[in-house]
């Protein structure tokens, strides 16, 4: 006879997930907290950094634009700071110079990197070395780059005037003339900052299917027609984004005119909005006026930034 078999015990079902997490016997809650504590620590650190170094200065600047500080006492000033800034002739001159710099920077700093990227994209050998060469000015300290161009622009022994002398062209007062001071600043700024834009354009160009260029060649298109009918349409979104970023960056220019022309330049021809903010705050001790001028610039750049974010989202979609 076979031994009698015992009835099997019914299998107990596992507790629900929320009960396992909240239950203390297996310590799942402690493990969950321990697993996420580092992530929450990094998140809190980032929020604190943004709060102290970004959000708080913006809020403080907004409040300071409507306040006056005298003899260590801060009083509410209402719209008087903005009224003072708008009635200052230097305000309008600074905006004219800033818009002129932005326009010249768009002609050079926006177009030149794109065509340099198109040229680099045609090379099949040594492209990595050429990319490094183009990006090299970005890796240099800005002060060193500006001082290098200040030597180039020197009216006596500068490199640019020596090159002009070889061709029999008279020497130019690059930074001392109102006609060439702003253009000289734009040339230096373009050389310093074009490397990053060039690499972005180059990455976008390398994503264009080669079949489009082959089809254009079969239709008899030359280099310029391929650029106009293939390259530009395929990169128009990144061109739009870079165009807006260029506007936002150039309207905040400070380092180049400050070091090349001592900020103001001949007859104030290189005084920009950001340099005028610097003058209000540190030369005139008018912190309310500086904050009011910064608020005007903030509102304008916020509009361009909103357009940039909208275009970025359309690119993601």
C-alpha atoms as a PDB file:
ATOM      1  CA  UNK A   1       0.000   0.000   0.000  1.00  0.00           C
ATOM      2  CA  UNK A   2       1.168   3.485  -0.766  1.00  0.00           C
ATOM      3  CA  UNK A   3       1.635   5.998   2.030  1.00  0.00           C
ATOM      4  CA  UNK A   4      -1.208   8.409   2.410  1.00  0.00           C
ATOM      5  CA  UNK A   5      -0.484  11.902   1.018  1.00  0.00           C
ATOM      6  CA  UNK A   6      -1.085  15.001   3.081  1.00  0.00           C
ATOM      7  CA  UNK A   7      -3.240  17.708   1.570  1.00  0.00           C
ATOM      8  CA  UNK A   8      -1.229  20.614   0.195  1.00  0.00           C
ATOM      9  CA  UNK A   9      -1.442  23.916   2.036  1.00  0.00           C
ATOM     10  CA  UNK A  10      -3.107  26.690   0.100  1.00  0.00           C
ATOM     11  CA  UNK A  11      -0.575  29.158  -1.372  1.00  0.00           C
ATOM     12  CA  UNK A  12      -0.780  32.571   0.171  1.00  0.00           C
ATOM     13  CA  UNK A  13      -0.902  35.414  -2.301  1.00  0.00           C
ATOM     14  CA  UNK A  14       1.769  38.126  -2.050  1.00  0.00           C
ATOM     15  CA  UNK A  15       0.658  41.375  -0.420  1.00  0.00           C
ATOM     16  CA  UNK A  16      -0.122  44.292  -2.714  1.00  0.00           C
ATOM     17  CA  UNK A  17       2.736  46.502  -3.855  1.00  0.00           C
ATOM     18  CA  UNK A  18       1.654  49.498  -1.771  1.00  0.00           C
ATOM     19  CA  UNK A  19       1.505  47.308   1.334  1.00  0.00           C
ATOM     20  CA  UNK A  20       4.967  45.894   0.650  1.00  0.00           C
ATOM     21  CA  UNK A  21       6.398  49.397   0.333  1.00  0.00           C
ATOM     22  CA  UNK A  22       4.731  50.688   3.486  1.00  0.00           C
ATOM     23  CA  UNK A  23       5.241  47.557   5.545  1.00  0.00           C
ATOM     24  CA  UNK A  24       8.070  47.602   8.010  1.00  0.00           C
ATOM     25  CA  UNK A  25       9.005  43.880   8.175  1.00  0.00           C
ATOM     26  CA  UNK A  26      11.020  43.817   4.951  1.00  0.00           C
ATOM     27  CA  UNK A  27      12.268  47.414   5.285  1.00  0.00           C
ATOM     28  CA  UNK A  28      11.136  48.373   1.781  1.00  0.00           C
ATOM     29  CA  UNK A  29      10.281  51.935   2.831  1.00  0.00           C
ATOM     30  CA  UNK A  30      13.757  52.450   4.252  1.00  0.00           C
ATOM     31  CA  UNK A  31      15.346  51.072   1.101  1.00  0.00           C
ATOM     32  CA  UNK A  32      13.197  53.348  -1.062  1.00  0.00           C
ATOM     33  CA  UNK A  33      14.185  56.416   0.937  1.00  0.00           C
ATOM     34  CA  UNK A  34      17.844  55.405   0.932  1.00  0.00           C
ATOM     35  CA  UNK A  35      17.758  54.776  -2.816  1.00  0.00           C
ATOM     36  CA  UNK A  36      16.244  58.195  -3.591  1.00  0.00           C
ATOM     37  CA  UNK A  37      18.003  60.329  -1.016  1.00  0.00           C
ATOM     38  CA  UNK A  38      20.981  61.014  -3.274  1.00  0.00           C
ATOM     39  CA  UNK A  39      18.715  62.026  -6.170  1.00  0.00           C
ATOM     40  CA  UNK A  40      16.745  64.359  -3.897  1.00  0.00           C
ATOM     41  CA  UNK A  41      20.000  65.759  -2.543  1.00  0.00           C
ATOM     42  CA  UNK A  42      21.230  66.691  -6.020  1.00  0.00           C
ATOM     43  CA  UNK A  43      17.824  68.154  -6.867  1.00  0.00           C
ATOM     44  CA  UNK A  44      17.743  70.274  -3.722  1.00  0.00           C
ATOM     45  CA  UNK A  45      21.288  71.472  -4.405  1.00  0.00           C
ATOM     46  CA  UNK A  46      20.371  72.552  -7.921  1.00  0.00           C
ATOM     47  CA  UNK A  47      17.256  74.370  -6.692  1.00  0.00           C
ATOM     48  CA  UNK A  48      19.283  76.190  -4.038  1.00  0.00           C
ATOM     49  CA  UNK A  49      21.913  77.233  -6.598  1.00  0.00           C
ATOM     50  CA  UNK A  50      19.256  78.571  -8.960  1.00  0.00           C
ATOM     51  CA  UNK A  51      17.519  80.309  -6.071  1.00  0.00           C
ATOM     52  CA  UNK A  52      20.578  82.139  -4.759  1.00  0.00           C
ATOM     53  CA  UNK A  53      22.423  82.855  -8.004  1.00  0.00           C
ATOM     54  CA  UNK A  54      19.618  83.269 -10.540  1.00  0.00           C
ATOM     55  CA  UNK A  55      16.120  83.733  -9.152  1.00  0.00           C
ATOM     56  CA  UNK A  56      16.980  85.894  -6.140  1.00  0.00           C
ATOM     57  CA  UNK A  57      19.084  88.382  -8.195  1.00  0.00           C
ATOM     58  CA  UNK A  58      16.234  88.723 -10.708  1.00  0.00           C
ATOM     59  CA  UNK A  59      13.662  89.382  -7.990  1.00  0.00           C
ATOM     60  CA  UNK A  60      16.042  91.749  -6.186  1.00  0.00           C
ATOM     61  CA  UNK A  61      16.769  93.601  -9.424  1.00  0.00           C
ATOM     62  CA  UNK A  62      13.055  93.977 -10.110  1.00  0.00           C
ATOM     63  CA  UNK A  63      12.452  95.453  -6.654  1.00  0.00           C
ATOM     64  CA  UNK A  64      15.522  97.688  -6.863  1.00  0.00           C
ATOM     65  CA  UNK A  65      14.239  99.179 -10.108  1.00  0.00           C
ATOM     66  CA  UNK A  66      11.429 100.817  -8.094  1.00  0.00           C
ATOM     67  CA  UNK A  67      13.537 101.854  -5.106  1.00  0.00           C
ATOM     68  CA  UNK A  68      16.106 104.499  -4.244  1.00  0.00           C
ATOM     69  CA  UNK A  69      19.007 104.073  -1.852  1.00  0.00           C
ATOM     70  CA  UNK A  70      20.541 107.114  -0.188  1.00  0.00           C
ATOM     71  CA  UNK A  71      22.734 107.251   2.905  1.00  0.00           C
ATOM     72  CA  UNK A  72      22.079 103.572   3.482  1.00  0.00           C
ATOM     73  CA  UNK A  73      18.299 104.064   3.520  1.00  0.00           C
ATOM     74  CA  UNK A  74      16.082 102.448   0.889  1.00  0.00           C
ATOM     75  CA  UNK A  75      12.831 104.156  -0.057  1.00  0.00           C
ATOM     76  CA  UNK A  76      10.110 103.377  -2.580  1.00  0.00           C
ATOM     77  CA  UNK A  77      10.601 105.436  -5.757  1.00  0.00           C
ATOM     78  CA  UNK A  78       7.811 104.197  -8.000  1.00  0.00           C
ATOM     79  CA  UNK A  79       8.402 104.906 -11.677  1.00  0.00           C
ATOM     80  CA  UNK A  80      10.978 107.640 -11.125  1.00  0.00           C
ATOM     81  CA  UNK A  81      13.956 105.406 -11.961  1.00  0.00           C
ATOM     82  CA  UNK A  82      12.441 104.354 -15.261  1.00  0.00           C
ATOM     83  CA  UNK A  83      11.524 107.974 -16.027  1.00  0.00           C
ATOM     84  CA  UNK A  84      15.080 109.074 -15.280  1.00  0.00           C
ATOM     85  CA  UNK A  85      16.553 106.382 -17.516  1.00  0.00           C
ATOM     86  CA  UNK A  86      14.243 107.149 -20.449  1.00  0.00           C
ATOM     87  CA  UNK A  87      15.074 110.873 -20.215  1.00  0.00           C
ATOM     88  CA  UNK A  88      18.830 110.232 -20.237  1.00  0.00           C
ATOM     89  CA  UNK A  89      20.355 110.910 -23.716  1.00  0.00           C
ATOM     90  CA  UNK A  90      22.957 108.216 -23.048  1.00  0.00           C
ATOM     91  CA  UNK A  91      20.135 105.655 -22.846  1.00  0.00           C
ATOM     92  CA  UNK A  92      19.120 106.171 -26.459  1.00  0.00           C
ATOM     93  CA  UNK A  93      22.708 106.342 -27.668  1.00  0.00           C
ATOM     94  CA  UNK A  94      23.471 103.075 -25.899  1.00  0.00           C
ATOM     95  CA  UNK A  95      20.484 101.406 -27.539  1.00  0.00           C
ATOM     96  CA  UNK A  96      21.494 102.696 -30.971  1.00  0.00           C
ATOM     97  CA  UNK A  97      24.999 101.320 -30.471  1.00  0.00           C
ATOM     98  CA  UNK A  98      23.658  98.002 -29.174  1.00  0.00           C
ATOM     99  CA  UNK A  99      21.312  97.602 -32.146  1.00  0.00           C
ATOM    100  CA  UNK A 100      24.144  98.537 -34.517  1.00  0.00           C
ATOM    101  CA  UNK A 101      26.398  95.948 -32.902  1.00  0.00           C
ATOM    102  CA  UNK A 102      23.612  93.357 -33.145  1.00  0.00           C
ATOM    103  CA  UNK A 103      23.025  94.110 -36.830  1.00  0.00           C
ATOM    104  CA  UNK A 104      26.727  93.929 -37.710  1.00  0.00           C
ATOM    105  CA  UNK A 105      27.146  90.802 -35.599  1.00  0.00           C
ATOM    106  CA  UNK A 106      24.278  89.148 -37.471  1.00  0.00           C
ATOM    107  CA  UNK A 107      25.882  89.982 -40.806  1.00  0.00           C
ATOM    108  CA  UNK A 108      29.255  88.582 -39.745  1.00  0.00           C
ATOM    109  CA  UNK A 109      28.761  86.372 -36.697  1.00  0.00           C
ATOM    110  CA  UNK A 110      25.681  84.657 -38.130  1.00  0.00           C
ATOM    111  CA  UNK A 111      26.649  84.264 -41.784  1.00  0.00           C
ATOM    112  CA  UNK A 112      30.368  83.540 -41.488  1.00  0.00           C
ATOM    113  CA  UNK A 113      30.059  80.449 -39.207  1.00  0.00           C
ATOM    114  CA  UNK A 114      27.431  78.968 -41.515  1.00  0.00           C
ATOM    115  CA  UNK A 115      29.584  79.264 -44.624  1.00  0.00           C
ATOM    116  CA  UNK A 116      32.637  78.037 -42.731  1.00  0.00           C
ATOM    117  CA  UNK A 117      30.584  74.972 -41.735  1.00  0.00           C
ATOM    118  CA  UNK A 118      29.541  74.453 -45.373  1.00  0.00           C
ATOM    119  CA  UNK A 119      33.202  74.628 -46.382  1.00  0.00           C
ATOM    120  CA  UNK A 120      34.282  72.177 -43.655  1.00  0.00           C
ATOM    121  CA  UNK A 121      31.525  69.788 -44.677  1.00  0.00           C
ATOM    122  CA  UNK A 122      33.106  69.487 -48.123  1.00  0.00           C
ATOM    123  CA  UNK A 123      36.392  68.191 -46.717  1.00  0.00           C
ATOM    124  CA  UNK A 124      36.763  64.436 -46.557  1.00  0.00           C
ATOM    125  CA  UNK A 125      40.186  64.360 -44.863  1.00  0.00           C
ATOM    126  CA  UNK A 126      41.464  66.240 -41.834  1.00  0.00           C
ATOM    127  CA  UNK A 127      38.007  67.402 -40.802  1.00  0.00           C
ATOM    128  CA  UNK A 128      38.679  66.691 -37.109  1.00  0.00           C
ATOM    129  CA  UNK A 129      41.819  68.846 -37.152  1.00  0.00           C
ATOM    130  CA  UNK A 130      39.954  71.655 -38.921  1.00  0.00           C
ATOM    131  CA  UNK A 131      37.105  71.484 -36.409  1.00  0.00           C
ATOM    132  CA  UNK A 132      39.606  71.852 -33.573  1.00  0.00           C
ATOM    133  CA  UNK A 133      41.246  74.780 -35.355  1.00  0.00           C
ATOM    134  CA  UNK A 134      37.927  76.570 -35.786  1.00  0.00           C
ATOM    135  CA  UNK A 135      36.906  75.951 -32.167  1.00  0.00           C
ATOM    136  CA  UNK A 136      40.279  77.007 -30.740  1.00  0.00           C
ATOM    137  CA  UNK A 137      39.349  80.717 -30.209  1.00  0.00           C
ATOM    138  CA  UNK A 138      36.411  79.654 -28.012  1.00  0.00           C
ATOM    139  CA  UNK A 139      38.785  77.766 -25.713  1.00  0.00           C
ATOM    140  CA  UNK A 140      41.000  80.816 -25.199  1.00  0.00           C
ATOM    141  CA  UNK A 141      40.236  83.127 -22.252  1.00  0.00           C
ATOM    142  CA  UNK A 142      38.120  86.056 -23.526  1.00  0.00           C
ATOM    143  CA  UNK A 143      40.464  88.635 -22.012  1.00  0.00           C
ATOM    144  CA  UNK A 144      43.461  87.107 -23.799  1.00  0.00           C
ATOM    145  CA  UNK A 145      41.608  87.096 -27.119  1.00  0.00           C
ATOM    146  CA  UNK A 146      40.521  90.720 -26.737  1.00  0.00           C
ATOM    147  CA  UNK A 147      44.018  91.872 -25.804  1.00  0.00           C
ATOM    148  CA  UNK A 148      45.368  90.013 -28.840  1.00  0.00           C
ATOM    149  CA  UNK A 149      43.017  91.980 -31.089  1.00  0.00           C
ATOM    150  CA  UNK A 150      43.943  95.182 -29.292  1.00  0.00           C
ATOM    151  CA  UNK A 151      47.502  94.543 -30.419  1.00  0.00           C
ATOM    152  CA  UNK A 152      46.293  93.831 -33.971  1.00  0.00           C
ATOM    153  CA  UNK A 153      44.390  97.144 -34.030  1.00  0.00           C
ATOM    154  CA  UNK A 154      47.250  99.261 -32.731  1.00  0.00           C
ATOM    155  CA  UNK A 155      47.673 102.235 -35.121  1.00  0.00           C
ATOM    156  CA  UNK A 156      51.476 102.162 -34.898  1.00  0.00           C
ATOM    157  CA  UNK A 157      52.743  98.587 -34.948  1.00  0.00           C
ATOM    158  CA  UNK A 158      49.505  96.593 -35.227  1.00  0.00           C
ATOM    159  CA  UNK A 159      49.298  93.609 -37.553  1.00  0.00           C
ATOM    160  CA  UNK A 160      46.290  94.893 -39.502  1.00  0.00           C
ATOM    161  CA  UNK A 161      47.939  98.191 -40.434  1.00  0.00           C
ATOM    162  CA  UNK A 162      51.096  96.346 -41.464  1.00  0.00           C
ATOM    163  CA  UNK A 163      49.048  94.168 -43.821  1.00  0.00           C
ATOM    164  CA  UNK A 164      47.374  97.273 -45.255  1.00  0.00           C
ATOM    165  CA  UNK A 165      50.791  98.868 -45.727  1.00  0.00           C
ATOM    166  CA  UNK A 166      51.896  95.952 -47.908  1.00  0.00           C
ATOM    167  CA  UNK A 167      49.095  96.834 -50.349  1.00  0.00           C
ATOM    168  CA  UNK A 168      49.757 100.563 -50.142  1.00  0.00           C
ATOM    169  CA  UNK A 169      46.603 101.320 -48.116  1.00  0.00           C
ATOM    170  CA  UNK A 170      46.933 104.092 -45.510  1.00  0.00           C
ATOM    171  CA  UNK A 171      46.911 103.169 -41.847  1.00  0.00           C
ATOM    172  CA  UNK A 172      43.542 103.050 -40.133  1.00  0.00           C
ATOM    173  CA  UNK A 173      42.585 104.269 -36.662  1.00  0.00           C
ATOM    174  CA  UNK A 174      40.655 101.100 -35.932  1.00  0.00           C
ATOM    175  CA  UNK A 175      39.607 101.777 -32.351  1.00  0.00           C
ATOM    176  CA  UNK A 176      40.142 105.544 -32.297  1.00  0.00           C
ATOM    177  CA  UNK A 177      37.715 106.472 -35.083  1.00  0.00           C
ATOM    178  CA  UNK A 178      33.936 106.642 -34.740  1.00  0.00           C
ATOM    179  CA  UNK A 179      33.595 105.123 -38.218  1.00  0.00           C
ATOM    180  CA  UNK A 180      35.511 101.917 -37.529  1.00  0.00           C
ATOM    181  CA  UNK A 181      35.377 101.419 -33.740  1.00  0.00           C
ATOM    182  CA  UNK A 182      32.142  99.420 -33.661  1.00  0.00           C
ATOM    183  CA  UNK A 183      33.086  97.343 -36.710  1.00  0.00           C
ATOM    184  CA  UNK A 184      36.415  96.522 -35.077  1.00  0.00           C
ATOM    185  CA  UNK A 185      34.635  95.306 -31.948  1.00  0.00           C
ATOM    186  CA  UNK A 186      32.297  93.151 -34.064  1.00  0.00           C
ATOM    187  CA  UNK A 187      35.220  91.547 -35.933  1.00  0.00           C
ATOM    188  CA  UNK A 188      36.926  90.622 -32.661  1.00  0.00           C
ATOM    189  CA  UNK A 189      33.705  89.257 -31.151  1.00  0.00           C
ATOM    190  CA  UNK A 190      32.980  87.206 -34.280  1.00  0.00           C
ATOM    191  CA  UNK A 191      36.412  85.585 -34.243  1.00  0.00           C
ATOM    192  CA  UNK A 192      36.117  84.806 -30.529  1.00  0.00           C
ATOM    193  CA  UNK A 193      32.661  83.189 -30.638  1.00  0.00           C
ATOM    194  CA  UNK A 194      32.196  81.659 -34.080  1.00  0.00           C
ATOM    195  CA  UNK A 195      33.609  78.231 -33.186  1.00  0.00           C
ATOM    196  CA  UNK A 196      30.575  76.958 -31.283  1.00  0.00           C
ATOM    197  CA  UNK A 197      28.100  78.094 -33.933  1.00  0.00           C
ATOM    198  CA  UNK A 198      30.240  76.548 -36.669  1.00  0.00           C
ATOM    199  CA  UNK A 199      30.203  73.117 -35.005  1.00  0.00           C
ATOM    200  CA  UNK A 200      26.431  73.304 -34.491  1.00  0.00           C
ATOM    201  CA  UNK A 201      25.922  74.129 -38.160  1.00  0.00           C
ATOM    202  CA  UNK A 202      28.339  71.377 -39.193  1.00  0.00           C
ATOM    203  CA  UNK A 203      26.441  68.777 -37.160  1.00  0.00           C
ATOM    204  CA  UNK A 204      23.198  69.903 -38.803  1.00  0.00           C
ATOM    205  CA  UNK A 205      24.736  69.726 -42.280  1.00  0.00           C
ATOM    206  CA  UNK A 206      26.012  66.204 -41.744  1.00  0.00           C
ATOM    207  CA  UNK A 207      22.448  65.097 -41.031  1.00  0.00           C
ATOM    208  CA  UNK A 208      21.232  66.087 -44.506  1.00  0.00           C
ATOM    209  CA  UNK A 209      20.701  63.012 -46.713  1.00  0.00           C
ATOM    210  CA  UNK A 210      23.253  62.791 -49.507  1.00  0.00           C
ATOM    211  CA  UNK A 211      20.540  61.750 -51.970  1.00  0.00           C
ATOM    212  CA  UNK A 212      19.242  65.323 -51.996  1.00  0.00           C
ATOM    213  CA  UNK A 213      22.581  66.659 -53.204  1.00  0.00           C
ATOM    214  CA  UNK A 214      22.857  63.867 -55.779  1.00  0.00           C
ATOM    215  CA  UNK A 215      19.410  64.715 -57.126  1.00  0.00           C
ATOM    216  CA  UNK A 216      20.386  68.394 -57.294  1.00  0.00           C
ATOM    217  CA  UNK A 217      23.562  67.524 -59.216  1.00  0.00           C
ATOM    218  CA  UNK A 218      21.541  65.450 -61.673  1.00  0.00           C
ATOM    219  CA  UNK A 219      19.381  68.514 -62.263  1.00  0.00           C
ATOM    220  CA  UNK A 220      22.511  70.510 -63.069  1.00  0.00           C
ATOM    221  CA  UNK A 221      22.633  72.542 -59.856  1.00  0.00           C
ATOM    222  CA  UNK A 222      25.898  74.199 -58.978  1.00  0.00           C
ATOM    223  CA  UNK A 223      27.337  74.896 -55.534  1.00  0.00           C
ATOM    224  CA  UNK A 224      25.285  78.009 -54.813  1.00  0.00           C
ATOM    225  CA  UNK A 225      22.042  76.486 -56.061  1.00  0.00           C
ATOM    226  CA  UNK A 226      22.609  73.415 -53.880  1.00  0.00           C
ATOM    227  CA  UNK A 227      23.182  75.667 -50.878  1.00  0.00           C
ATOM    228  CA  UNK A 228      20.081  77.743 -51.646  1.00  0.00           C
ATOM    229  CA  UNK A 229      17.692  74.916 -52.574  1.00  0.00           C
ATOM    230  CA  UNK A 230      18.978  72.053 -50.385  1.00  0.00           C
ATOM    231  CA  UNK A 231      21.215  73.194 -47.532  1.00  0.00           C
ATOM    232  CA  UNK A 232      19.282  76.219 -46.305  1.00  0.00           C
ATOM    233  CA  UNK A 233      15.805  74.600 -46.470  1.00  0.00           C
ATOM    234  CA  UNK A 234      17.071  71.515 -44.630  1.00  0.00           C
ATOM    235  CA  UNK A 235      18.641  73.611 -41.855  1.00  0.00           C
ATOM    236  CA  UNK A 236      16.142  76.463 -41.650  1.00  0.00           C
ATOM    237  CA  UNK A 237      14.960  75.516 -38.159  1.00  0.00           C
ATOM    238  CA  UNK A 238      18.439  75.418 -36.651  1.00  0.00           C
ATOM    239  CA  UNK A 239      19.201  78.645 -38.531  1.00  0.00           C
ATOM    240  CA  UNK A 240      16.160  80.273 -36.924  1.00  0.00           C
ATOM    241  CA  UNK A 241      17.188  79.093 -33.459  1.00  0.00           C
ATOM    242  CA  UNK A 242      20.757  80.288 -33.905  1.00  0.00           C
ATOM    243  CA  UNK A 243      19.480  83.605 -35.252  1.00  0.00           C
ATOM    244  CA  UNK A 244      17.485  84.223 -32.073  1.00  0.00           C
ATOM    245  CA  UNK A 245      20.342  83.050 -29.848  1.00  0.00           C
ATOM    246  CA  UNK A 246      22.654  85.424 -31.702  1.00  0.00           C
ATOM    247  CA  UNK A 247      20.312  88.341 -30.991  1.00  0.00           C
ATOM    248  CA  UNK A 248      20.033  87.439 -27.307  1.00  0.00           C
ATOM    249  CA  UNK A 249      23.813  87.085 -26.929  1.00  0.00           C
ATOM    250  CA  UNK A 250      24.860  90.183 -28.869  1.00  0.00           C
ATOM    251  CA  UNK A 251      22.467  92.487 -27.027  1.00  0.00           C
ATOM    252  CA  UNK A 252      24.339  91.609 -23.813  1.00  0.00           C
ATOM    253  CA  UNK A 253      27.798  92.437 -25.164  1.00  0.00           C
ATOM    254  CA  UNK A 254      30.156  93.936 -22.596  1.00  0.00           C
ATOM    255  CA  UNK A 255      33.612  92.347 -22.544  1.00  0.00           C
ATOM    256  CA  UNK A 256      34.757  93.303 -26.044  1.00  0.00           C
ATOM    257  CA  UNK A 257      33.933  97.037 -25.996  1.00  0.00           C
ATOM    258  CA  UNK A 258      35.003  97.346 -22.352  1.00  0.00           C
ATOM    259  CA  UNK A 259      38.506  96.010 -23.053  1.00  0.00           C
ATOM    260  CA  UNK A 260      39.015  97.256 -26.598  1.00  0.00           C
ATOM    261  CA  UNK A 261      37.675 100.818 -26.300  1.00  0.00           C
ATOM    262  CA  UNK A 262      37.457 101.286 -22.519  1.00  0.00           C
ATOM    263  CA  UNK A 263      33.704 100.844 -22.786  1.00  0.00           C
ATOM    264  CA  UNK A 264      32.553 104.137 -24.253  1.00  0.00           C
ATOM    265  CA  UNK A 265      34.839 104.396 -27.277  1.00  0.00           C
ATOM    266  CA  UNK A 266      35.415 107.592 -29.289  1.00  0.00           C
ATOM    267  CA  UNK A 267      32.515 109.987 -28.659  1.00  0.00           C
ATOM    268  CA  UNK A 268      30.552 107.173 -27.016  1.00  0.00           C
ATOM    269  CA  UNK A 269      30.366 105.168 -30.255  1.00  0.00           C
ATOM    270  CA  UNK A 270      30.771 101.789 -28.514  1.00  0.00           C
ATOM    271  CA  UNK A 271      28.704 102.414 -25.379  1.00  0.00           C
ATOM    272  CA  UNK A 272      26.304  99.496 -25.114  1.00  0.00           C
ATOM    273  CA  UNK A 273      23.314  98.986 -22.836  1.00  0.00           C
ATOM    274  CA  UNK A 274      25.168  96.593 -20.528  1.00  0.00           C
ATOM    275  CA  UNK A 275      28.106  98.998 -20.258  1.00  0.00           C
ATOM    276  CA  UNK A 276      25.678 101.801 -19.408  1.00  0.00           C
ATOM    277  CA  UNK A 277      24.263  99.593 -16.635  1.00  0.00           C
ATOM    278  CA  UNK A 278      27.834  99.198 -15.377  1.00  0.00           C
ATOM    279  CA  UNK A 279      28.315 102.971 -15.417  1.00  0.00           C
ATOM    280  CA  UNK A 280      25.069 103.642 -13.560  1.00  0.00           C
ATOM    281  CA  UNK A 281      25.925 101.157 -10.834  1.00  0.00           C
ATOM    282  CA  UNK A 282      29.677 101.549 -10.293  1.00  0.00           C
ATOM    283  CA  UNK A 283      30.521 105.008 -11.645  1.00  0.00           C
ATOM    284  CA  UNK A 284      27.378 106.981 -10.747  1.00  0.00           C
ATOM    285  CA  UNK A 285      26.317 104.887  -7.712  1.00  0.00           C
ATOM    286  CA  UNK A 286      22.780 104.953  -9.085  1.00  0.00           C
ATOM    287  CA  UNK A 287      21.724 101.395  -8.398  1.00  0.00           C
ATOM    288  CA  UNK A 288      18.052 102.140  -8.952  1.00  0.00           C
ATOM    289  CA  UNK A 289      18.747 103.510 -12.425  1.00  0.00           C
ATOM    290  CA  UNK A 290      20.996 100.533 -13.230  1.00  0.00           C
ATOM    291  CA  UNK A 291      18.257  98.142 -12.116  1.00  0.00           C
ATOM    292  CA  UNK A 292      15.650 100.021 -14.162  1.00  0.00           C
ATOM    293  CA  UNK A 293      17.829  99.840 -17.261  1.00  0.00           C
ATOM    294  CA  UNK A 294      18.438  96.146 -16.614  1.00  0.00           C
ATOM    295  CA  UNK A 295      14.701  95.615 -16.284  1.00  0.00           C
ATOM    296  CA  UNK A 296      14.110  97.144 -19.718  1.00  0.00           C
ATOM    297  CA  UNK A 297      16.757  94.862 -21.202  1.00  0.00           C
ATOM    298  CA  UNK A 298      15.293  91.867 -19.350  1.00  0.00           C
ATOM    299  CA  UNK A 299      11.814  92.446 -20.762  1.00  0.00           C
ATOM    300  CA  UNK A 300      13.143  92.748 -24.302  1.00  0.00           C
ATOM    301  CA  UNK A 301      15.307  89.640 -24.066  1.00  0.00           C
ATOM    302  CA  UNK A 302      12.454  87.722 -22.435  1.00  0.00           C
ATOM    303  CA  UNK A 303      10.425  88.300 -25.601  1.00  0.00           C
ATOM    304  CA  UNK A 304      13.192  86.866 -27.785  1.00  0.00           C
ATOM    305  CA  UNK A 305      13.650  83.978 -25.348  1.00  0.00           C
ATOM    306  CA  UNK A 306       9.932  83.154 -25.552  1.00  0.00           C
ATOM    307  CA  UNK A 307      10.201  82.934 -29.341  1.00  0.00           C
ATOM    308  CA  UNK A 308      13.293  80.731 -28.955  1.00  0.00           C
ATOM    309  CA  UNK A 309      11.487  78.348 -26.585  1.00  0.00           C
ATOM    310  CA  UNK A 310       8.532  78.147 -28.963  1.00  0.00           C
ATOM    311  CA  UNK A 311      10.788  77.260 -31.884  1.00  0.00           C
ATOM    312  CA  UNK A 312      12.630  74.712 -29.752  1.00  0.00           C
ATOM    313  CA  UNK A 313       9.360  72.981 -28.889  1.00  0.00           C
ATOM    314  CA  UNK A 314       8.317  72.886 -32.533  1.00  0.00           C
ATOM    315  CA  UNK A 315      11.653  71.250 -33.325  1.00  0.00           C
ATOM    316  CA  UNK A 316      11.066  68.590 -30.659  1.00  0.00           C
ATOM    317  CA  UNK A 317       7.575  67.890 -32.051  1.00  0.00           C
END
